[in-house]
């Protein structure tokens, strides 16, 4: 008997799931994301 792990999720392509999460505000800009990463890195 050979046991193989079963996939947890069905295989998908990025275009099938891109933009599926609802949000109630506009997306962050690249500058906002970079500032957040720098803030987290300096607080550690």
Protein backbone atom coordinates (compact mmCIF):
# COMPACT_ATOMS: atom_id res chain seq x y z
CA UNK A 1 0.00 0.00 0.00
CA UNK A 2 1.35 3.42 -0.97
CA UNK A 3 0.05 6.47 0.88
CA UNK A 4 0.28 9.86 -0.79
CA UNK A 5 -0.75 13.21 0.69
CA UNK A 6 -3.94 14.61 -0.74
CA UNK A 7 -3.85 18.24 -1.90
CA UNK A 8 -5.49 20.60 0.58
CA UNK A 9 -6.80 22.94 -2.09
CA UNK A 10 -7.64 22.40 -5.73
CA UNK A 11 -5.01 23.72 -8.12
CA UNK A 12 -5.81 27.23 -9.35
CA UNK A 13 -4.24 29.83 -11.58
CA UNK A 14 -3.58 33.40 -10.33
CA UNK A 15 -6.10 34.89 -12.75
CA UNK A 16 -8.81 32.68 -11.21
CA UNK A 17 -8.40 34.17 -7.74
CA UNK A 18 -6.93 37.64 -8.31
CA UNK A 19 -9.15 40.36 -6.88
CA UNK A 20 -11.55 37.99 -5.11
CA UNK A 21 -11.05 39.45 -1.62
CA UNK A 22 -13.51 42.23 -0.86
CA UNK A 23 -12.15 45.45 0.59
CA UNK A 24 -13.85 48.58 1.82
CA UNK A 25 -11.05 51.01 0.97
CA UNK A 26 -8.73 51.70 -1.96
CA UNK A 27 -5.57 49.58 -2.26
CA UNK A 28 -2.35 50.83 -0.71
CA UNK A 29 0.19 52.52 -2.95
CA UNK A 30 3.68 51.10 -3.37
CA UNK A 31 5.04 54.00 -1.28
CA UNK A 32 2.57 53.14 1.55
CA UNK A 33 3.62 49.48 1.47
CA UNK A 34 7.33 50.34 1.51
CA UNK A 35 6.79 52.72 4.46
CA UNK A 36 4.96 49.96 6.35
CA UNK A 37 7.75 47.45 5.73
CA UNK A 38 10.38 49.96 6.87
CA UNK A 39 8.35 50.79 10.01
CA UNK A 40 8.06 47.09 10.91
CA UNK A 41 11.75 46.47 10.24
CA UNK A 42 12.83 49.38 12.45
CA UNK A 43 10.49 48.45 15.33
CA UNK A 44 11.95 44.94 15.75
